[in-house]
Amino acid sequence: MFSTHTQETVVGTGPSYVSDQHLAGRYSVSRPTIWAWLKKDPSFPKPVKLSPGCTRWRLDEIEAWEQSRAAA
C-alpha cells in the first residue's frame, strides 16, 4: 500500500514577522543597512525580540512604512 502525504498550509490570524535577512532581500541592501536605517530613521519600524537571538519585524508595520515613504 502506498500512503498519500499532503502538505497543508495553515494561515494564522496573527501578525506575520520577517527577518533582517528578508528585509535586506526585499530592498536589495545588506543586513547592516537595515540596522543602520533603524538607528538613523525614526520612522523605520522597530523590531520585536521574539526570543534570545530571534529579532523580527512585523510585516504589516513594514508595509505601512513603505506606504508612508511612497506618499512622501
PDB file of N, CA and C in Angstrom:
ATOM      1  N   MET A   1       0.826  -1.179   0.000  1.00  0.00           N
ATOM      2  CA  MET A   1       0.000   0.000   0.000  1.00  0.00           C
ATOM      3  C   MET A   1       0.873   1.245   0.000  1.00  0.00           C
ATOM      4  N   PHE A   2       0.422   2.204  -0.700  1.00  0.00           N
ATOM      5  CA  PHE A   2       1.084   3.497  -0.712  1.00  0.00           C
ATOM      6  C   PHE A   2       0.260   4.463   0.121  1.00  0.00           C
ATOM      7  N   SER A   3       0.951   5.270   0.875  1.00  0.00           N
ATOM      8  CA  SER A   3       0.234   6.293   1.628  1.00  0.00           C
ATOM      9  C   SER A   3       0.403   7.629   0.921  1.00  0.00           C
ATOM     10  N   THR A   4      -0.615   8.397   0.970  1.00  0.00           N
ATOM     11  CA  THR A   4      -0.583   9.711   0.344  1.00  0.00           C
ATOM     12  C   THR A   4      -0.351  10.757   1.420  1.00  0.00           C
ATOM     13  N   HIS A   5       0.693  11.526   1.231  1.00  0.00           N
ATOM     14  CA  HIS A   5       1.002  12.606   2.165  1.00  0.00           C
ATOM     15  C   HIS A   5       0.636  13.919   1.498  1.00  0.00           C
ATOM     16  N   THR A   6      -0.111  14.700   2.192  1.00  0.00           N
ATOM     17  CA  THR A   6      -0.437  16.029   1.681  1.00  0.00           C
ATOM     18  C   THR A   6       0.118  17.062   2.640  1.00  0.00           C
ATOM     19  N   GLN A   7       0.485  18.161   2.093  1.00  0.00           N
ATOM     20  CA  GLN A   7       1.014  19.248   2.906  1.00  0.00           C
ATOM     21  C   GLN A   7      -0.040  20.336   2.982  1.00  0.00           C
ATOM     22  N   GLU A   8      -0.387  20.710   4.182  1.00  0.00           N
ATOM     23  CA  GLU A   8      -1.368  21.765   4.389  1.00  0.00           C
ATOM     24  C   GLU A   8      -0.665  23.061   4.725  1.00  0.00           C
ATOM     25  N   THR A   9      -1.183  24.135   4.216  1.00  0.00           N
ATOM     26  CA  THR A   9      -0.703  25.449   4.603  1.00  0.00           C
ATOM     27  C   THR A   9      -1.703  26.014   5.598  1.00  0.00           C
ATOM     28  N   VAL A  10      -1.213  26.327   6.762  1.00  0.00           N
ATOM     29  CA  VAL A  10      -2.072  26.885   7.792  1.00  0.00           C
ATOM     30  C   VAL A  10      -1.844  28.384   7.827  1.00  0.00           C
ATOM     31  N   VAL A  11      -2.896  29.110   7.639  1.00  0.00           N
ATOM     32  CA  VAL A  11      -2.806  30.565   7.663  1.00  0.00           C
ATOM     33  C   VAL A  11      -3.257  31.028   9.034  1.00  0.00           C
ATOM     34  N   GLY A  12      -2.333  31.651   9.750  1.00  0.00           N
ATOM     35  CA  GLY A  12      -2.658  32.145  11.076  1.00  0.00           C
ATOM     36  C   GLY A  12      -3.385  33.474  11.013  1.00  0.00           C
ATOM     37  N   THR A  13      -4.009  33.794  12.097  1.00  0.00           N
ATOM     38  CA  THR A  13      -4.712  35.071  12.154  1.00  0.00           C
ATOM     39  C   THR A  13      -3.858  36.153  12.799  1.00  0.00           C
ATOM     40  N   GLY A  14      -2.714  35.771  13.325  1.00  0.00           N
ATOM     41  CA  GLY A  14      -1.836  36.736  13.973  1.00  0.00           C
ATOM     42  C   GLY A  14      -0.944  37.433  12.971  1.00  0.00           C
ATOM     43  N   PRO A  15      -0.106  38.329  13.463  1.00  0.00           N
ATOM     44  CA  PRO A  15       0.785  39.079  12.574  1.00  0.00           C
ATOM     45  C   PRO A  15       1.873  38.188  11.981  1.00  0.00           C
ATOM     46  N   SER A  16       2.345  38.562  10.810  1.00  0.00           N
ATOM     47  CA  SER A  16       3.474  37.890  10.174  1.00  0.00           C
ATOM     48  C   SER A  16       4.732  38.666  10.523  1.00  0.00           C
ATOM     49  N   TYR A  17       5.829  37.946  10.694  1.00  0.00           N
ATOM     50  CA  TYR A  17       7.100  38.558  11.048  1.00  0.00           C
ATOM     51  C   TYR A  17       8.136  38.232   9.983  1.00  0.00           C
ATOM     52  N   VAL A  18       9.065  39.173   9.761  1.00  0.00           N
ATOM     53  CA  VAL A  18      10.141  38.971   8.795  1.00  0.00           C
ATOM     54  C   VAL A  18      11.480  39.314   9.443  1.00  0.00           C
ATOM     55  N   SER A  19      12.519  38.682   8.950  1.00  0.00           N
ATOM     56  CA  SER A  19      13.868  38.866   9.496  1.00  0.00           C
ATOM     57  C   SER A  19      14.595  40.009   8.797  1.00  0.00           C
ATOM     58  N   ASP A  20      15.740  40.379   9.362  1.00  0.00           N
ATOM     59  CA  ASP A  20      16.574  41.391   8.712  1.00  0.00           C
ATOM     60  C   ASP A  20      17.064  40.874   7.363  1.00  0.00           C
ATOM     61  N   GLN A  21      17.290  39.568   7.271  1.00  0.00           N
ATOM     62  CA  GLN A  21      17.720  38.977   6.004  1.00  0.00           C
ATOM     63  C   GLN A  21      16.614  39.116   4.947  1.00  0.00           C
ATOM     64  N   HIS A  22      15.388  38.888   5.351  1.00  0.00           N
ATOM     65  CA  HIS A  22      14.256  39.060   4.432  1.00  0.00           C
ATOM     66  C   HIS A  22      14.157  40.518   3.976  1.00  0.00           C
ATOM     67  N   LEU A  23      14.269  41.451   4.922  1.00  0.00           N
ATOM     68  CA  LEU A  23      14.189  42.873   4.573  1.00  0.00           C
ATOM     69  C   LEU A  23      15.326  43.282   3.654  1.00  0.00           C
ATOM     70  N   ALA A  24      16.524  42.775   3.911  1.00  0.00           N
ATOM     71  CA  ALA A  24      17.666  43.094   3.056  1.00  0.00           C
ATOM     72  C   ALA A  24      17.397  42.634   1.624  1.00  0.00           C
ATOM     73  N   GLY A  25      16.842  41.447   1.476  1.00  0.00           N
ATOM     74  CA  GLY A  25      16.496  40.954   0.148  1.00  0.00           C
ATOM     75  C   GLY A  25      15.372  41.751  -0.490  1.00  0.00           C
ATOM     76  N   ARG A  26      14.415  42.143   0.305  1.00  0.00           N
ATOM     77  CA  ARG A  26      13.262  42.912  -0.185  1.00  0.00           C
ATOM     78  C   ARG A  26      13.697  44.241  -0.786  1.00  0.00           C
ATOM     79  N   TYR A  27      14.710  44.883  -0.177  1.00  0.00           N
ATOM     80  CA  TYR A  27      15.167  46.195  -0.626  1.00  0.00           C
ATOM     81  C   TYR A  27      16.506  46.160  -1.358  1.00  0.00           C
ATOM     82  N   SER A  28      17.049  44.973  -1.576  1.00  0.00           N
ATOM     83  CA  SER A  28      18.341  44.807  -2.263  1.00  0.00           C
ATOM     84  C   SER A  28      19.449  45.604  -1.587  1.00  0.00           C
ATOM     85  N   VAL A  29      19.507  45.476  -0.261  1.00  0.00           N
ATOM     86  CA  VAL A  29      20.559  46.109   0.532  1.00  0.00           C
ATOM     87  C   VAL A  29      21.164  45.052   1.452  1.00  0.00           C
ATOM     88  N   SER A  30      22.203  45.426   2.174  1.00  0.00           N
ATOM     89  CA  SER A  30      22.825  44.496   3.113  1.00  0.00           C
ATOM     90  C   SER A  30      22.075  44.487   4.445  1.00  0.00           C
ATOM     91  N   ARG A  31      22.301  43.456   5.228  1.00  0.00           N
ATOM     92  CA  ARG A  31      21.691  43.391   6.555  1.00  0.00           C
ATOM     93  C   ARG A  31      22.146  44.557   7.429  1.00  0.00           C
ATOM     94  N   PRO A  32      23.439  44.928   7.418  1.00  0.00           N
ATOM     95  CA  PRO A  32      23.840  46.096   8.215  1.00  0.00           C
ATOM     96  C   PRO A  32      23.110  47.384   7.811  1.00  0.00           C
ATOM     97  N   THR A  33      22.725  47.504   6.546  1.00  0.00           N
ATOM     98  CA  THR A  33      21.969  48.677   6.113  1.00  0.00           C
ATOM     99  C   THR A  33      20.612  48.730   6.803  1.00  0.00           C
ATOM    100  N   ILE A  34      19.966  47.588   6.970  1.00  0.00           N
ATOM    101  CA  ILE A  34      18.677  47.545   7.674  1.00  0.00           C
ATOM    102  C   ILE A  34      18.848  48.080   9.086  1.00  0.00           C
ATOM    103  N   TRP A  35      19.899  47.644   9.774  1.00  0.00           N
ATOM    104  CA  TRP A  35      20.141  48.100  11.152  1.00  0.00           C
ATOM    105  C   TRP A  35      20.530  49.574  11.187  1.00  0.00           C
ATOM    106  N   ALA A  36      21.222  50.049  10.159  1.00  0.00           N
ATOM    107  CA  ALA A  36      21.562  51.477  10.079  1.00  0.00           C
ATOM    108  C   ALA A  36      20.297  52.311   9.893  1.00  0.00           C
ATOM    109  N   TRP A  37      19.374  51.834   9.070  1.00  0.00           N
ATOM    110  CA  TRP A  37      18.102  52.543   8.901  1.00  0.00           C
ATOM    111  C   TRP A  37      17.379  52.644  10.232  1.00  0.00           C
ATOM    112  N   LEU A  38      17.420  51.576  10.996  1.00  0.00           N
ATOM    113  CA  LEU A  38      16.749  51.562  12.295  1.00  0.00           C
ATOM    114  C   LEU A  38      17.314  52.652  13.207  1.00  0.00           C
ATOM    115  N   LYS A  39      18.638  52.824  13.172  1.00  0.00           N
ATOM    116  CA  LYS A  39      19.284  53.833  14.020  1.00  0.00           C
ATOM    117  C   LYS A  39      19.059  55.251  13.506  1.00  0.00           C
ATOM    118  N   LYS A  40      19.071  55.427  12.184  1.00  0.00           N
ATOM    119  CA  LYS A  40      19.059  56.769  11.607  1.00  0.00           C
ATOM    120  C   LYS A  40      17.677  57.306  11.258  1.00  0.00           C
ATOM    121  N   ASP A  41      16.726  56.430  11.010  1.00  0.00           N
ATOM    122  CA  ASP A  41      15.402  56.868  10.558  1.00  0.00           C
ATOM    123  C   ASP A  41      14.360  56.571  11.632  1.00  0.00           C
ATOM    124  N   PRO A  42      13.899  57.593  12.347  1.00  0.00           N
ATOM    125  CA  PRO A  42      12.928  57.352  13.418  1.00  0.00           C
ATOM    126  C   PRO A  42      11.597  56.789  12.923  1.00  0.00           C
ATOM    127  N   SER A  43      11.313  56.926  11.639  1.00  0.00           N
ATOM    128  CA  SER A  43      10.056  56.386  11.110  1.00  0.00           C
ATOM    129  C   SER A  43      10.153  54.901  10.751  1.00  0.00           C
ATOM    130  N   PHE A  44      11.387  54.376  10.699  1.00  0.00           N
ATOM    131  CA  PHE A  44      11.554  52.954  10.358  1.00  0.00           C
ATOM    132  C   PHE A  44      11.009  52.099  11.500  1.00  0.00           C
ATOM    133  N   PRO A  45      10.211  51.090  11.185  1.00  0.00           N
ATOM    134  CA  PRO A  45       9.587  50.276  12.245  1.00  0.00           C
ATOM    135  C   PRO A  45      10.602  49.632  13.182  1.00  0.00           C
ATOM    136  N   LYS A  46      10.230  49.564  14.440  1.00  0.00           N
ATOM    137  CA  LYS A  46      11.076  48.936  15.456  1.00  0.00           C
ATOM    138  C   LYS A  46      10.874  47.426  15.405  1.00  0.00           C
ATOM    139  N   PRO A  47      11.948  46.666  15.564  1.00  0.00           N
ATOM    140  CA  PRO A  47      11.808  45.212  15.556  1.00  0.00           C
ATOM    141  C   PRO A  47      11.251  44.700  16.882  1.00  0.00           C
ATOM    142  N   VAL A  48      10.827  43.454  16.847  1.00  0.00           N
ATOM    143  CA  VAL A  48      10.303  42.767  18.022  1.00  0.00           C
ATOM    144  C   VAL A  48      11.262  41.631  18.349  1.00  0.00           C
ATOM    145  N   LYS A  49      11.675  41.554  19.600  1.00  0.00           N
ATOM    146  CA  LYS A  49      12.550  40.452  20.012  1.00  0.00           C
ATOM    147  C   LYS A  49      11.646  39.307  20.469  1.00  0.00           C
ATOM    148  N   LEU A  50      11.527  38.280  19.636  1.00  0.00           N
ATOM    149  CA  LEU A  50      10.645  37.157  19.931  1.00  0.00           C
ATOM    150  C   LEU A  50      11.253  36.201  20.946  1.00  0.00           C
ATOM    151  N   SER A  51      12.572  36.082  20.923  1.00  0.00           N
ATOM    152  CA  SER A  51      13.304  35.248  21.878  1.00  0.00           C
ATOM    153  C   SER A  51      14.772  35.635  21.768  1.00  0.00           C
ATOM    154  N   PRO A  52      15.625  35.147  22.672  1.00  0.00           N
ATOM    155  CA  PRO A  52      17.049  35.474  22.542  1.00  0.00           C
ATOM    156  C   PRO A  52      17.572  35.036  21.167  1.00  0.00           C
ATOM    157  N   GLY A  53      18.159  35.955  20.452  1.00  0.00           N
ATOM    158  CA  GLY A  53      18.711  35.649  19.136  1.00  0.00           C
ATOM    159  C   GLY A  53      17.683  35.616  18.017  1.00  0.00           C
ATOM    160  N   CYS A  54      16.459  36.014  18.291  1.00  0.00           N
ATOM    161  CA  CYS A  54      15.403  35.995  17.269  1.00  0.00           C
ATOM    162  C   CYS A  54      14.690  37.346  17.255  1.00  0.00           C
ATOM    163  N   THR A  55      15.162  38.236  16.407  1.00  0.00           N
ATOM    164  CA  THR A  55      14.579  39.565  16.267  1.00  0.00           C
ATOM    165  C   THR A  55      13.904  39.646  14.907  1.00  0.00           C
ATOM    166  N   ARG A  56      12.674  40.092  14.891  1.00  0.00           N
ATOM    167  CA  ARG A  56      11.898  40.162  13.658  1.00  0.00           C
ATOM    168  C   ARG A  56      11.110  41.468  13.601  1.00  0.00           C
ATOM    169  N   TRP A  57      10.683  41.810  12.394  1.00  0.00           N
ATOM    170  CA  TRP A  57       9.825  42.968  12.168  1.00  0.00           C
ATOM    171  C   TRP A  57       8.442  42.477  11.791  1.00  0.00           C
ATOM    172  N   ARG A  58       7.436  43.210  12.247  1.00  0.00           N
ATOM    173  CA  ARG A  58       6.072  42.887  11.832  1.00  0.00           C
ATOM    174  C   ARG A  58       5.896  43.324  10.385  1.00  0.00           C
ATOM    175  N   LEU A  59       5.439  42.419   9.560  1.00  0.00           N
ATOM    176  CA  LEU A  59       5.276  42.706   8.141  1.00  0.00           C
ATOM    177  C   LEU A  59       4.272  43.827   7.907  1.00  0.00           C
ATOM    178  N   ASP A  60       3.204  43.876   8.683  1.00  0.00           N
ATOM    179  CA  ASP A  60       2.217  44.945   8.489  1.00  0.00           C
ATOM    180  C   ASP A  60       2.811  46.321   8.775  1.00  0.00           C
ATOM    181  N   GLU A  61       3.724  46.413   9.741  1.00  0.00           N
ATOM    182  CA  GLU A  61       4.384  47.690  10.040  1.00  0.00           C
ATOM    183  C   GLU A  61       5.355  48.079   8.929  1.00  0.00           C
ATOM    184  N   ILE A  62       6.049  47.092   8.368  1.00  0.00           N
ATOM    185  CA  ILE A  62       6.959  47.355   7.247  1.00  0.00           C
ATOM    186  C   ILE A  62       6.164  47.865   6.048  1.00  0.00           C
ATOM    187  N   GLU A  63       5.044  47.219   5.757  1.00  0.00           N
ATOM    188  CA  GLU A  63       4.221  47.642   4.623  1.00  0.00           C
ATOM    189  C   GLU A  63       3.637  49.037   4.836  1.00  0.00           C
ATOM    190  N   ALA A  64       3.253  49.364   6.060  1.00  0.00           N
ATOM    191  CA  ALA A  64       2.754  50.713   6.363  1.00  0.00           C
ATOM    192  C   ALA A  64       3.866  51.744   6.182  1.00  0.00           C
ATOM    193  N   TRP A  65       5.085  51.398   6.599  1.00  0.00           N
ATOM    194  CA  TRP A  65       6.232  52.291   6.422  1.00  0.00           C
ATOM    195  C   TRP A  65       6.489  52.526   4.932  1.00  0.00           C
ATOM    196  N   GLU A  66       6.411  51.465   4.137  1.00  0.00           N
ATOM    197  CA  GLU A  66       6.601  51.608   2.694  1.00  0.00           C
ATOM    198  C   GLU A  66       5.560  52.565   2.106  1.00  0.00           C
ATOM    199  N   GLN A  67       4.313  52.422   2.535  1.00  0.00           N
ATOM    200  CA  GLN A  67       3.253  53.295   2.037  1.00  0.00           C
ATOM    201  C   GLN A  67       3.507  54.753   2.421  1.00  0.00           C
ATOM    202  N   SER A  68       3.989  54.970   3.642  1.00  0.00           N
ATOM    203  CA  SER A  68       4.268  56.342   4.077  1.00  0.00           C
ATOM    204  C   SER A  68       5.420  56.946   3.280  1.00  0.00           C
ATOM    205  N   ARG A  69       6.382  56.117   2.907  1.00  0.00           N
ATOM    206  CA  ARG A  69       7.511  56.597   2.102  1.00  0.00           C
ATOM    207  C   ARG A  69       7.052  56.927   0.686  1.00  0.00           C
ATOM    208  N   ALA A  70       6.149  56.119   0.151  1.00  0.00           N
ATOM    209  CA  ALA A  70       5.648  56.346  -1.208  1.00  0.00           C
ATOM    210  C   ALA A  70       4.804  57.614  -1.273  1.00  0.00           C
ATOM    211  N   ALA A  71       4.115  57.918  -0.177  1.00  0.00           N
ATOM    212  CA  ALA A  71       3.249  59.100  -0.138  1.00  0.00           C
ATOM    213  C   ALA A  71       4.037  60.386   0.094  1.00  0.00           C
ATOM    214  N   ALA A  72       5.264  60.263   0.594  1.00  0.00           N
ATOM    215  CA  ALA A  72       6.062  61.452   0.927  1.00  0.00           C
ATOM    216  C   ALA A  72       6.659  62.103  -0.302  1.00  0.00           C
TER     217      ALA A  72
END
